[in-house]
Amino acid sequence: MDTDLNKLHEMTDSQIPAVTRSVGAREVGGEDARVVTMTQTYPSAQADVWNAITTPDRISRWLAPITGEFTLGGRYQIEGNASGEVLECAEPTRLHVTWEYGGDVSWVTATLSGDDSTTTLEVEHVAHVGDEDWKMFGPSAVGIGWDMMLLGLSLHLASGASLNPEEAAAWSASADGIRFMTRSNDEWQGANIAAGESEADATAAAKRCLDAYMGVEAGPAV
């Protein structure tokens, strides 16, 4: 099934306020780490959401082609993106994996709570990020990418549609896609300020990050 472009256009604006975003910090392995957290509630059974985020065939329909096995100690590879190891897989409530990209290792945890009709998904991405890199791009560097992934998941859960990579790429470059990334960036800028970053530094970082995503300069990947 190809991308439901009409539904994707409809969700361009509604998806942004459906996600709660926060920025924090903690110590991991004796080093300071940055934390970005996203939470969204879906009108879907917890078992279905769990299946959608842990089954390669389902993940390939809303994110990108993926290989691997989501069992303890298993590994996965997202085509053109991250790979990693499954550190915890407690069906249907918690998935904890490494997120390995570009030689860097970070950690992603998905926590689910709900019932047969409603599910809340919390995604937490923890990474060692140097002060200079954080000041340069802020949380939008990963936040925009995660917002786009959650949009794909929302579309899949709502309609069962699969993302056609070419159509999804065209949408990203469309007015709707640009508006979506801009609004996501604005929300992450606000979360950065709420976490204690100065408004001036958060605004400057957000502008640089959005420019990177828009291709103004070589930018970060999720």
N, C-alpha and C. Protein backbone atom coordinates (compact mmCIF):
# COMPACT_ATOMS: atom_id res chain seq x y z
N MET A 1 0.85 -1.18 0.00
CA MET A 1 0.00 0.00 0.00
C MET A 1 0.89 1.24 0.00
N ASP A 2 0.59 2.17 -0.90
CA ASP A 2 1.37 3.39 -0.97
C ASP A 2 0.95 4.38 0.09
N THR A 3 1.72 5.43 0.19
CA THR A 3 1.44 6.48 1.17
C THR A 3 0.07 7.10 0.92
N ASP A 4 -0.70 7.27 1.98
CA ASP A 4 -1.98 7.96 1.90
C ASP A 4 -1.67 9.46 1.98
N LEU A 5 -1.42 10.07 0.80
CA LEU A 5 -0.97 11.46 0.78
C LEU A 5 -2.03 12.41 1.32
N ASN A 6 -3.30 12.12 1.04
CA ASN A 6 -4.36 13.00 1.56
C ASN A 6 -4.35 13.00 3.09
N LYS A 7 -4.22 11.81 3.69
CA LYS A 7 -4.17 11.71 5.14
C LYS A 7 -2.91 12.37 5.68
N LEU A 8 -1.80 12.23 4.95
CA LEU A 8 -0.55 12.84 5.38
C LEU A 8 -0.68 14.36 5.39
N HIS A 9 -1.31 14.91 4.36
CA HIS A 9 -1.54 16.36 4.32
C HIS A 9 -2.44 16.80 5.46
N GLU A 10 -3.48 16.01 5.74
CA GLU A 10 -4.40 16.35 6.83
C GLU A 10 -3.69 16.38 8.17
N MET A 11 -2.71 15.48 8.35
CA MET A 11 -2.04 15.35 9.64
C MET A 11 -0.88 16.33 9.82
N THR A 12 -0.55 17.09 8.78
CA THR A 12 0.59 17.99 8.85
C THR A 12 0.50 18.92 10.04
N ASP A 13 -0.68 19.47 10.28
CA ASP A 13 -0.84 20.42 11.38
C ASP A 13 -1.29 19.75 12.67
N SER A 14 -2.13 18.72 12.59
CA SER A 14 -2.68 18.12 13.80
C SER A 14 -1.65 17.31 14.57
N GLN A 15 -0.64 16.78 13.90
CA GLN A 15 0.34 15.93 14.58
C GLN A 15 1.22 16.71 15.55
N ILE A 16 1.59 17.92 15.20
CA ILE A 16 2.52 18.69 16.04
C ILE A 16 1.97 18.87 17.46
N PRO A 17 0.75 19.38 17.65
CA PRO A 17 0.25 19.54 19.02
C PRO A 17 -0.12 18.23 19.71
N ALA A 18 -0.12 17.12 18.98
CA ALA A 18 -0.45 15.83 19.59
C ALA A 18 0.72 15.27 20.39
N VAL A 19 1.91 15.86 20.21
CA VAL A 19 3.12 15.36 20.87
C VAL A 19 3.55 16.33 21.97
N THR A 20 3.87 15.79 23.14
CA THR A 20 4.46 16.56 24.23
C THR A 20 5.96 16.35 24.19
N ARG A 21 6.72 17.44 24.25
CA ARG A 21 8.18 17.37 24.11
C ARG A 21 8.86 17.96 25.33
N SER A 22 9.97 17.36 25.75
CA SER A 22 10.75 17.93 26.85
C SER A 22 12.23 17.66 26.61
N VAL A 23 13.05 18.47 27.26
CA VAL A 23 14.50 18.38 27.14
C VAL A 23 15.07 18.29 28.54
N GLY A 24 16.05 17.42 28.75
CA GLY A 24 16.65 17.28 30.07
C GLY A 24 18.08 16.83 29.98
N ALA A 25 18.64 16.46 31.11
CA ALA A 25 20.02 15.99 31.19
C ALA A 25 20.13 14.96 32.30
N ARG A 26 21.10 14.07 32.17
CA ARG A 26 21.39 13.09 33.21
C ARG A 26 22.81 12.58 33.00
N GLU A 27 23.28 11.81 33.95
CA GLU A 27 24.61 11.21 33.84
C GLU A 27 24.47 9.78 33.36
N VAL A 28 25.22 9.44 32.34
CA VAL A 28 25.22 8.08 31.80
C VAL A 28 26.66 7.62 31.67
N GLY A 29 26.99 6.54 32.34
CA GLY A 29 28.36 6.03 32.28
C GLY A 29 29.39 6.99 32.80
N GLY A 30 28.99 7.80 33.77
CA GLY A 30 29.91 8.75 34.36
C GLY A 30 30.11 10.01 33.56
N GLU A 31 29.33 10.17 32.48
CA GLU A 31 29.43 11.36 31.64
C GLU A 31 28.07 12.03 31.53
N ASP A 32 28.10 13.36 31.37
CA ASP A 32 26.86 14.09 31.18
C ASP A 32 26.23 13.73 29.84
N ALA A 33 24.91 13.61 29.82
CA ALA A 33 24.19 13.27 28.60
C ALA A 33 22.96 14.17 28.47
N ARG A 34 22.54 14.40 27.24
CA ARG A 34 21.33 15.16 26.94
C ARG A 34 20.18 14.18 26.71
N VAL A 35 18.98 14.60 27.07
CA VAL A 35 17.80 13.75 26.94
C VAL A 35 16.69 14.52 26.24
N VAL A 36 16.15 13.95 25.18
CA VAL A 36 14.95 14.51 24.56
C VAL A 36 13.85 13.46 24.70
N THR A 37 12.66 13.91 25.06
CA THR A 37 11.54 13.00 25.31
C THR A 37 10.31 13.46 24.55
N MET A 38 9.63 12.51 23.93
CA MET A 38 8.40 12.78 23.19
C MET A 38 7.31 11.82 23.66
N THR A 39 6.12 12.34 23.87
CA THR A 39 5.01 11.51 24.34
C THR A 39 3.78 11.77 23.49
N GLN A 40 3.12 10.70 23.06
CA GLN A 40 1.90 10.83 22.27
C GLN A 40 0.94 9.71 22.64
N THR A 41 -0.35 10.03 22.66
CA THR A 41 -1.39 9.04 22.94
C THR A 41 -2.14 8.73 21.66
N TYR A 42 -2.31 7.44 21.38
CA TYR A 42 -2.97 6.98 20.16
C TYR A 42 -4.28 6.26 20.49
N PRO A 43 -5.30 6.39 19.64
CA PRO A 43 -6.53 5.63 19.83
C PRO A 43 -6.37 4.21 19.29
N SER A 44 -5.35 3.52 19.77
CA SER A 44 -5.02 2.17 19.30
C SER A 44 -4.70 1.29 20.50
N ALA A 45 -4.95 0.00 20.35
CA ALA A 45 -4.67 -0.95 21.42
C ALA A 45 -3.17 -1.01 21.69
N GLN A 46 -2.80 -1.19 22.95
CA GLN A 46 -1.39 -1.25 23.31
C GLN A 46 -0.67 -2.37 22.55
N ALA A 47 -1.33 -3.52 22.40
CA ALA A 47 -0.70 -4.64 21.69
C ALA A 47 -0.40 -4.27 20.24
N ASP A 48 -1.27 -3.48 19.62
CA ASP A 48 -1.06 -3.09 18.23
C ASP A 48 0.09 -2.10 18.11
N VAL A 49 0.16 -1.14 19.02
CA VAL A 49 1.26 -0.17 18.98
C VAL A 49 2.59 -0.88 19.23
N TRP A 50 2.60 -1.80 20.19
CA TRP A 50 3.81 -2.57 20.45
C TRP A 50 4.25 -3.32 19.20
N ASN A 51 3.30 -3.96 18.55
CA ASN A 51 3.61 -4.71 17.34
C ASN A 51 4.16 -3.79 16.26
N ALA A 52 3.61 -2.58 16.16
CA ALA A 52 4.01 -1.64 15.11
C ALA A 52 5.44 -1.14 15.30
N ILE A 53 5.93 -1.12 16.57
CA ILE A 53 7.28 -0.58 16.81
C ILE A 53 8.33 -1.66 17.04
N THR A 54 7.92 -2.94 17.02
CA THR A 54 8.88 -4.01 17.28
C THR A 54 8.90 -5.09 16.21
N THR A 55 8.08 -4.98 15.19
CA THR A 55 8.03 -5.97 14.13
C THR A 55 8.63 -5.38 12.87
N PRO A 56 9.73 -5.93 12.36
CA PRO A 56 10.38 -5.33 11.18
C PRO A 56 9.43 -5.05 10.02
N ASP A 57 8.50 -5.97 9.75
CA ASP A 57 7.58 -5.73 8.64
C ASP A 57 6.71 -4.49 8.88
N ARG A 58 6.27 -4.31 10.12
CA ARG A 58 5.45 -3.13 10.45
C ARG A 58 6.30 -1.86 10.43
N ILE A 59 7.50 -1.92 11.04
CA ILE A 59 8.37 -0.74 11.07
C ILE A 59 8.70 -0.28 9.66
N SER A 60 8.92 -1.23 8.76
CA SER A 60 9.26 -0.89 7.38
C SER A 60 8.13 -0.14 6.69
N ARG A 61 6.92 -0.28 7.20
CA ARG A 61 5.76 0.37 6.56
C ARG A 61 5.60 1.82 6.99
N TRP A 62 6.15 2.21 8.15
CA TRP A 62 5.97 3.60 8.57
C TRP A 62 7.28 4.37 8.76
N LEU A 63 8.42 3.67 8.74
CA LEU A 63 9.70 4.34 8.94
C LEU A 63 10.60 4.16 7.72
N ALA A 64 11.19 3.01 7.58
CA ALA A 64 12.08 2.69 6.46
C ALA A 64 12.33 1.19 6.51
N PRO A 65 12.82 0.61 5.42
CA PRO A 65 13.14 -0.82 5.45
C PRO A 65 14.10 -1.12 6.60
N ILE A 66 13.82 -2.19 7.33
CA ILE A 66 14.61 -2.54 8.50
C ILE A 66 14.78 -4.05 8.55
N THR A 67 15.93 -4.46 8.99
CA THR A 67 16.19 -5.89 9.19
C THR A 67 16.61 -6.10 10.63
N GLY A 68 16.47 -7.34 11.09
CA GLY A 68 16.90 -7.64 12.45
C GLY A 68 15.81 -8.33 13.24
N GLU A 69 16.08 -8.45 14.53
CA GLU A 69 15.15 -9.16 15.41
C GLU A 69 15.06 -8.41 16.73
N PHE A 70 13.83 -8.07 17.12
CA PHE A 70 13.63 -7.33 18.35
C PHE A 70 13.38 -8.29 19.51
N THR A 71 14.46 -8.96 19.88
CA THR A 71 14.49 -9.80 21.07
C THR A 71 15.75 -9.42 21.84
N LEU A 72 15.79 -9.76 23.10
CA LEU A 72 16.93 -9.40 23.94
C LEU A 72 18.23 -9.86 23.29
N GLY A 73 19.16 -8.93 23.10
CA GLY A 73 20.44 -9.24 22.48
C GLY A 73 20.43 -9.21 20.96
N GLY A 74 19.24 -9.06 20.37
CA GLY A 74 19.15 -8.99 18.91
C GLY A 74 19.67 -7.67 18.38
N ARG A 75 19.91 -7.62 17.09
CA ARG A 75 20.36 -6.38 16.45
C ARG A 75 19.41 -6.01 15.32
N TYR A 76 19.40 -4.72 15.00
CA TYR A 76 18.57 -4.22 13.92
C TYR A 76 19.38 -3.24 13.07
N GLN A 77 18.94 -3.04 11.83
CA GLN A 77 19.55 -2.07 10.94
C GLN A 77 18.46 -1.39 10.14
N ILE A 78 18.33 -0.07 10.32
CA ILE A 78 17.39 0.71 9.53
C ILE A 78 18.12 1.17 8.28
N GLU A 79 17.55 0.90 7.12
CA GLU A 79 18.22 1.24 5.88
C GLU A 79 18.50 2.73 5.80
N GLY A 80 19.78 3.08 5.62
CA GLY A 80 20.17 4.48 5.49
C GLY A 80 20.14 5.25 6.78
N ASN A 81 19.98 4.56 7.91
CA ASN A 81 19.87 5.27 9.19
C ASN A 81 20.60 4.46 10.26
N ALA A 82 20.03 4.41 11.44
CA ALA A 82 20.72 3.82 12.58
C ALA A 82 20.66 2.30 12.60
N SER A 83 21.58 1.73 13.37
CA SER A 83 21.54 0.32 13.72
C SER A 83 21.69 0.26 15.23
N GLY A 84 21.58 -0.94 15.79
CA GLY A 84 21.74 -1.03 17.23
C GLY A 84 21.46 -2.40 17.78
N GLU A 85 21.57 -2.49 19.11
CA GLU A 85 21.34 -3.73 19.84
C GLU A 85 20.15 -3.57 20.77
N VAL A 86 19.36 -4.61 20.89
CA VAL A 86 18.21 -4.61 21.80
C VAL A 86 18.71 -4.94 23.20
N LEU A 87 18.63 -3.97 24.10
CA LEU A 87 19.10 -4.14 25.47
C LEU A 87 18.00 -4.62 26.41
N GLU A 88 16.76 -4.32 26.07
CA GLU A 88 15.61 -4.75 26.87
C GLU A 88 14.40 -4.82 25.95
N CYS A 89 13.62 -5.88 26.08
CA CYS A 89 12.42 -6.05 25.27
C CYS A 89 11.36 -6.71 26.14
N ALA A 90 10.60 -5.88 26.85
CA ALA A 90 9.61 -6.37 27.80
C ALA A 90 8.21 -6.11 27.22
N GLU A 91 7.74 -7.07 26.45
CA GLU A 91 6.43 -6.93 25.79
C GLU A 91 5.32 -6.84 26.82
N PRO A 92 4.34 -5.93 26.72
CA PRO A 92 4.22 -4.90 25.68
C PRO A 92 4.47 -3.50 26.24
N THR A 93 5.44 -3.37 27.11
CA THR A 93 5.57 -2.10 27.83
C THR A 93 6.87 -1.34 27.61
N ARG A 94 7.97 -2.02 27.31
CA ARG A 94 9.24 -1.29 27.27
C ARG A 94 10.22 -1.92 26.28
N LEU A 95 10.78 -1.07 25.42
CA LEU A 95 11.82 -1.45 24.48
C LEU A 95 12.99 -0.49 24.66
N HIS A 96 14.18 -1.04 24.89
CA HIS A 96 15.37 -0.22 25.13
C HIS A 96 16.47 -0.70 24.19
N VAL A 97 16.98 0.20 23.33
CA VAL A 97 17.96 -0.18 22.32
C VAL A 97 19.09 0.84 22.26
N THR A 98 20.22 0.41 21.73
CA THR A 98 21.25 1.38 21.37
C THR A 98 20.88 1.96 20.00
N TRP A 99 21.32 3.19 19.78
CA TRP A 99 21.06 3.89 18.51
C TRP A 99 22.44 4.29 17.98
N GLU A 100 22.93 3.52 17.02
CA GLU A 100 24.29 3.68 16.53
C GLU A 100 24.26 4.31 15.14
N TYR A 101 24.88 5.50 15.05
CA TYR A 101 24.83 6.23 13.78
C TYR A 101 26.09 7.09 13.65
N GLY A 102 26.75 6.98 12.50
CA GLY A 102 27.91 7.82 12.25
C GLY A 102 29.04 7.63 13.23
N GLY A 103 29.16 6.45 13.80
CA GLY A 103 30.21 6.18 14.76
C GLY A 103 29.87 6.55 16.19
N ASP A 104 28.71 7.17 16.41
CA ASP A 104 28.27 7.54 17.75
C ASP A 104 27.23 6.54 18.26
N VAL A 105 27.21 6.34 19.57
CA VAL A 105 26.23 5.45 20.19
C VAL A 105 25.40 6.26 21.18
N SER A 106 24.09 6.17 21.05
CA SER A 106 23.17 6.76 22.02
C SER A 106 22.13 5.71 22.36
N TRP A 107 21.12 6.08 23.14
CA TRP A 107 20.17 5.09 23.64
C TRP A 107 18.74 5.60 23.47
N VAL A 108 17.88 4.71 23.01
CA VAL A 108 16.47 5.04 22.81
C VAL A 108 15.63 4.06 23.61
N THR A 109 14.67 4.61 24.36
CA THR A 109 13.74 3.79 25.14
C THR A 109 12.31 4.16 24.76
N ALA A 110 11.53 3.17 24.41
CA ALA A 110 10.10 3.36 24.16
C ALA A 110 9.33 2.69 25.30
N THR A 111 8.47 3.47 25.95
CA THR A 111 7.66 2.96 27.05
C THR A 111 6.19 3.11 26.68
N LEU A 112 5.43 2.03 26.80
CA LEU A 112 4.02 2.03 26.44
C LEU A 112 3.16 1.76 27.66
N SER A 113 2.02 2.45 27.71
CA SER A 113 1.00 2.18 28.73
C SER A 113 -0.35 2.36 28.07
N GLY A 114 -1.32 1.52 28.45
CA GLY A 114 -2.63 1.66 27.85
C GLY A 114 -3.48 0.44 28.05
N ASP A 115 -4.41 0.26 27.11
CA ASP A 115 -5.35 -0.86 27.19
C ASP A 115 -5.74 -1.27 25.79
N ASP A 116 -6.94 -1.80 25.65
CA ASP A 116 -7.37 -2.29 24.34
C ASP A 116 -7.86 -1.19 23.41
N SER A 117 -7.89 0.04 23.87
CA SER A 117 -8.42 1.11 23.01
C SER A 117 -7.51 2.33 22.92
N THR A 118 -6.66 2.56 23.90
CA THR A 118 -5.82 3.75 23.93
C THR A 118 -4.43 3.40 24.44
N THR A 119 -3.43 4.00 23.80
CA THR A 119 -2.05 3.73 24.20
C THR A 119 -1.24 5.02 24.23
N THR A 120 -0.49 5.20 25.30
CA THR A 120 0.44 6.32 25.39
C THR A 120 1.85 5.79 25.17
N LEU A 121 2.53 6.40 24.21
CA LEU A 121 3.89 6.03 23.87
C LEU A 121 4.83 7.16 24.26
N GLU A 122 5.83 6.83 25.05
CA GLU A 122 6.88 7.78 25.40
C GLU A 122 8.18 7.30 24.78
N VAL A 123 8.82 8.17 24.01
CA VAL A 123 10.11 7.86 23.40
C VAL A 123 11.16 8.79 24.01
N GLU A 124 12.22 8.20 24.54
CA GLU A 124 13.29 8.94 25.17
C GLU A 124 14.60 8.63 24.45
N HIS A 125 15.28 9.69 24.01
CA HIS A 125 16.56 9.53 23.31
C HIS A 125 17.64 10.21 24.15
N VAL A 126 18.61 9.41 24.59
CA VAL A 126 19.68 9.90 25.47
C VAL A 126 21.00 9.82 24.71
N ALA A 127 21.75 10.91 24.70
CA ALA A 127 23.00 10.94 23.95
C ALA A 127 24.03 11.81 24.64
N HIS A 128 25.29 11.39 24.50
CA HIS A 128 26.40 12.24 24.94
C HIS A 128 26.62 13.29 23.85
N VAL A 129 26.32 14.52 24.16
CA VAL A 129 26.47 15.62 23.20
C VAL A 129 27.33 16.69 23.84
N GLY A 130 28.40 17.05 23.18
CA GLY A 130 29.27 18.09 23.70
C GLY A 130 28.57 19.44 23.77
N ASP A 131 29.02 20.28 24.68
CA ASP A 131 28.40 21.59 24.84
C ASP A 131 28.42 22.39 23.55
N GLU A 132 29.51 22.29 22.79
CA GLU A 132 29.62 23.06 21.55
C GLU A 132 28.60 22.60 20.52
N ASP A 133 28.44 21.28 20.37
CA ASP A 133 27.46 20.76 19.42
C ASP A 133 26.04 21.09 19.85
N TRP A 134 25.79 20.99 21.17
CA TRP A 134 24.45 21.31 21.66
C TRP A 134 24.13 22.78 21.42
N LYS A 135 25.09 23.65 21.67
CA LYS A 135 24.88 25.07 21.46
C LYS A 135 24.66 25.38 19.97
N MET A 136 25.31 24.58 19.11
CA MET A 136 25.20 24.82 17.68
C MET A 136 23.80 24.48 17.15
N PHE A 137 23.25 23.33 17.55
CA PHE A 137 21.99 22.87 16.95
C PHE A 137 20.85 22.63 17.94
N GLY A 138 21.14 22.42 19.22
CA GLY A 138 20.09 22.20 20.20
C GLY A 138 19.33 20.90 19.98
N PRO A 139 18.19 20.73 20.64
CA PRO A 139 17.45 19.46 20.57
C PRO A 139 16.78 19.20 19.23
N SER A 140 16.61 20.23 18.41
CA SER A 140 15.98 20.02 17.10
C SER A 140 16.79 19.08 16.22
N ALA A 141 18.09 18.95 16.50
CA ALA A 141 18.94 18.09 15.67
C ALA A 141 18.40 16.67 15.60
N VAL A 142 17.88 16.17 16.72
CA VAL A 142 17.23 14.86 16.71
C VAL A 142 15.72 15.00 16.78
N GLY A 143 15.24 16.10 17.36
CA GLY A 143 13.81 16.26 17.59
C GLY A 143 12.99 16.32 16.32
N ILE A 144 13.47 17.04 15.31
CA ILE A 144 12.72 17.13 14.06
C ILE A 144 12.60 15.75 13.42
N GLY A 145 13.70 15.01 13.41
CA GLY A 145 13.65 13.66 12.84
C GLY A 145 12.69 12.76 13.58
N TRP A 146 12.69 12.85 14.92
CA TRP A 146 11.76 12.03 15.69
C TRP A 146 10.32 12.45 15.43
N ASP A 147 10.07 13.74 15.28
CA ASP A 147 8.71 14.18 14.96
C ASP A 147 8.25 13.60 13.63
N MET A 148 9.14 13.53 12.66
CA MET A 148 8.77 12.97 11.37
C MET A 148 8.53 11.46 11.48
N MET A 149 9.31 10.78 12.34
CA MET A 149 9.07 9.35 12.55
C MET A 149 7.73 9.12 13.24
N LEU A 150 7.42 9.93 14.24
CA LEU A 150 6.14 9.78 14.93
C LEU A 150 4.97 10.12 14.01
N LEU A 151 5.17 11.03 13.07
CA LEU A 151 4.14 11.31 12.07
C LEU A 151 3.89 10.07 11.24
N GLY A 152 4.96 9.40 10.80
CA GLY A 152 4.79 8.17 10.02
C GLY A 152 4.07 7.10 10.81
N LEU A 153 4.40 6.96 12.10
CA LEU A 153 3.72 5.98 12.94
C LEU A 153 2.25 6.33 13.11
N SER A 154 1.97 7.61 13.32
CA SER A 154 0.58 8.05 13.49
C SER A 154 -0.23 7.76 12.24
N LEU A 155 0.35 8.03 11.07
CA LEU A 155 -0.34 7.76 9.81
C LEU A 155 -0.62 6.28 9.67
N HIS A 156 0.37 5.46 9.99
CA HIS A 156 0.21 4.01 9.87
C HIS A 156 -0.86 3.48 10.82
N LEU A 157 -0.83 3.93 12.07
CA LEU A 157 -1.82 3.46 13.04
C LEU A 157 -3.23 3.92 12.69
N ALA A 158 -3.33 5.13 12.11
CA ALA A 158 -4.65 5.68 11.80
C ALA A 158 -5.28 5.05 10.57
N SER A 159 -4.45 4.71 9.57
CA SER A 159 -5.02 4.26 8.30
C SER A 159 -4.48 2.93 7.81
N GLY A 160 -3.43 2.43 8.45
CA GLY A 160 -2.81 1.21 7.97
C GLY A 160 -1.91 1.42 6.77
N ALA A 161 -1.73 2.67 6.37
CA ALA A 161 -0.97 2.98 5.17
C ALA A 161 0.51 2.70 5.38
N SER A 162 1.18 2.44 4.26
CA SER A 162 2.63 2.32 4.25
C SER A 162 3.22 3.55 3.60
N LEU A 163 4.41 3.95 4.03
CA LEU A 163 5.08 5.10 3.46
C LEU A 163 5.86 4.67 2.22
N ASN A 164 5.51 5.24 1.09
CA ASN A 164 6.31 5.07 -0.11
C ASN A 164 7.48 6.04 -0.02
N PRO A 165 8.73 5.54 -0.01
CA PRO A 165 9.88 6.43 0.22
C PRO A 165 9.94 7.63 -0.72
N GLU A 166 9.63 7.41 -2.01
CA GLU A 166 9.69 8.52 -2.96
C GLU A 166 8.62 9.56 -2.66
N GLU A 167 7.42 9.08 -2.33
CA GLU A 167 6.33 10.01 -2.03
C GLU A 167 6.58 10.74 -0.71
N ALA A 168 7.14 10.02 0.27
CA ALA A 168 7.45 10.64 1.55
C ALA A 168 8.51 11.72 1.38
N ALA A 169 9.53 11.44 0.53
CA ALA A 169 10.57 12.43 0.28
C ALA A 169 9.99 13.66 -0.41
N ALA A 170 9.07 13.43 -1.34
CA ALA A 170 8.44 14.56 -2.03
C ALA A 170 7.62 15.39 -1.06
N TRP A 171 6.93 14.72 -0.14
CA TRP A 171 6.16 15.45 0.87
C TRP A 171 7.08 16.29 1.74
N SER A 172 8.24 15.76 2.13
CA SER A 172 9.17 16.49 2.98
C SER A 172 9.62 17.80 2.33
N ALA A 173 9.72 17.80 1.00
CA ALA A 173 10.16 19.00 0.28
C ALA A 173 8.99 19.91 -0.10
N SER A 174 7.76 19.47 0.19
CA SER A 174 6.58 20.26 -0.16
C SER A 174 6.34 21.34 0.88
N ALA A 175 5.38 22.22 0.59
CA ALA A 175 5.03 23.29 1.53
C ALA A 175 4.56 22.69 2.86
N ASP A 176 3.81 21.59 2.80
CA ASP A 176 3.34 20.94 4.03
C ASP A 176 4.51 20.39 4.84
N GLY A 177 5.45 19.74 4.15
CA GLY A 177 6.60 19.16 4.83
C GLY A 177 7.46 20.23 5.47
N ILE A 178 7.68 21.31 4.77
CA ILE A 178 8.49 22.41 5.31
C ILE A 178 7.79 23.05 6.51
N ARG A 179 6.47 23.19 6.41
CA ARG A 179 5.72 23.75 7.54
C ARG A 179 5.79 22.84 8.75
N PHE A 180 5.72 21.53 8.50
CA PHE A 180 5.79 20.57 9.59
C PHE A 180 7.14 20.67 10.30
N MET A 181 8.22 20.68 9.54
CA MET A 181 9.55 20.76 10.15
C MET A 181 9.75 22.09 10.88
N THR A 182 9.20 23.15 10.31
CA THR A 182 9.32 24.46 10.95
C THR A 182 8.58 24.49 12.28
N ARG A 183 7.38 23.93 12.31
CA ARG A 183 6.62 23.91 13.56
C ARG A 183 7.27 22.99 14.59
N SER A 184 7.81 21.86 14.12
CA SER A 184 8.54 20.97 15.03
C SER A 184 9.72 21.71 15.63
N ASN A 185 10.47 22.40 14.81
CA ASN A 185 11.63 23.15 15.27
C ASN A 185 11.23 24.20 16.31
N ASP A 186 10.11 24.87 16.07
CA ASP A 186 9.63 25.88 17.02
C ASP A 186 9.32 25.24 18.38
N GLU A 187 8.70 24.06 18.34
CA GLU A 187 8.35 23.38 19.59
C GLU A 187 9.61 22.95 20.35
N TRP A 188 10.60 22.47 19.65
CA TRP A 188 11.84 22.06 20.32
C TRP A 188 12.61 23.27 20.84
N GLN A 189 12.53 24.37 20.13
CA GLN A 189 13.12 25.60 20.65
C GLN A 189 12.47 25.98 21.98
N GLY A 190 11.15 25.89 22.04
CA GLY A 190 10.44 26.20 23.27
C GLY A 190 10.81 25.24 24.39
N ALA A 191 10.95 23.95 24.06
CA ALA A 191 11.33 22.96 25.08
C ALA A 191 12.75 23.24 25.58
N ASN A 192 13.62 23.69 24.70
CA ASN A 192 14.99 24.02 25.09
C ASN A 192 15.01 25.20 26.06
N ILE A 193 14.19 26.20 25.79
CA ILE A 193 14.10 27.36 26.68
C ILE A 193 13.50 26.95 28.03
N ALA A 194 12.48 26.10 27.98
CA ALA A 194 11.84 25.64 29.21
C ALA A 194 12.83 24.85 30.07
N ALA A 195 13.83 24.22 29.43
CA ALA A 195 14.82 23.43 30.17
C ALA A 195 15.95 24.30 30.72
N GLY A 196 15.91 25.61 30.43
CA GLY A 196 16.90 26.50 31.02
C GLY A 196 17.84 27.19 30.05
N GLU A 197 17.75 26.86 28.74
CA GLU A 197 18.61 27.53 27.77
C GLU A 197 18.13 28.97 27.58
N SER A 198 19.05 29.89 27.35
CA SER A 198 18.65 31.28 27.14
C SER A 198 17.87 31.38 25.83
N GLU A 199 16.94 32.33 25.78
CA GLU A 199 16.12 32.48 24.58
C GLU A 199 16.99 32.79 23.37
N ALA A 200 18.01 33.61 23.55
CA ALA A 200 18.88 33.98 22.43
C ALA A 200 19.62 32.77 21.89
N ASP A 201 20.20 31.96 22.78
CA ASP A 201 20.96 30.79 22.34
C ASP A 201 20.04 29.73 21.74
N ALA A 202 18.86 29.54 22.34
CA ALA A 202 17.92 28.54 21.82
C ALA A 202 17.42 28.95 20.44
N THR A 203 17.15 30.22 20.25
CA THR A 203 16.66 30.72 18.97
C THR A 203 17.73 30.57 17.89
N ALA A 204 18.96 30.92 18.23
CA ALA A 204 20.06 30.80 17.26
C ALA A 204 20.30 29.35 16.87
N ALA A 205 20.28 28.44 17.85
CA ALA A 205 20.50 27.03 17.57
C ALA A 205 19.38 26.48 16.69
N ALA A 206 18.14 26.86 17.00
CA ALA A 206 17.00 26.38 16.22
C ALA A 206 17.09 26.85 14.78
N LYS A 207 17.51 28.08 14.56
CA LYS A 207 17.64 28.59 13.19
C LYS A 207 18.71 27.81 12.43
N ARG A 208 19.85 27.57 13.06
CA ARG A 208 20.91 26.82 12.39
C ARG A 208 20.45 25.41 12.06
N CYS A 209 19.71 24.79 12.99
CA CYS A 209 19.26 23.42 12.76
C CYS A 209 18.25 23.35 11.63
N LEU A 210 17.29 24.27 11.61
CA LEU A 210 16.29 24.26 10.55
C LEU A 210 16.95 24.53 9.20
N ASP A 211 17.91 25.45 9.16
CA ASP A 211 18.65 25.69 7.92
C ASP A 211 19.31 24.41 7.43
N ALA A 212 19.87 23.63 8.37
CA ALA A 212 20.52 22.38 7.99
C ALA A 212 19.52 21.40 7.40
N TYR A 213 18.36 21.26 8.04
CA TYR A 213 17.34 20.36 7.52
C TYR A 213 16.82 20.82 6.16
N MET A 214 16.79 22.13 5.94
CA MET A 214 16.32 22.68 4.68
C MET A 214 17.38 22.61 3.59
N GLY A 215 18.60 22.16 3.95
CA GLY A 215 19.65 22.06 2.96
C GLY A 215 20.45 23.31 2.76
N VAL A 216 20.28 24.29 3.66
CA VAL A 216 21.06 25.51 3.55
C VAL A 216 22.52 25.21 3.82
N GLU A 217 22.78 24.22 4.68
CA GLU A 217 24.12 23.74 4.95
C GLU A 217 24.02 22.28 5.33
N ALA A 218 25.15 21.59 5.32
CA ALA A 218 25.12 20.19 5.71
C ALA A 218 24.72 20.08 7.16
N GLY A 219 23.66 19.32 7.44
CA GLY A 219 23.13 19.27 8.78
C GLY A 219 23.15 17.89 9.39
N PRO A 220 22.68 17.79 10.61
CA PRO A 220 22.72 16.52 11.35
C PRO A 220 21.61 15.58 10.89
N ALA A 221 21.84 14.33 11.08
CA ALA A 221 20.81 13.33 10.85
C ALA A 221 20.36 12.80 12.20
N VAL A 222 19.17 12.19 12.16
CA VAL A 222 18.65 11.60 13.41
C VAL A 222 19.43 10.34 13.71
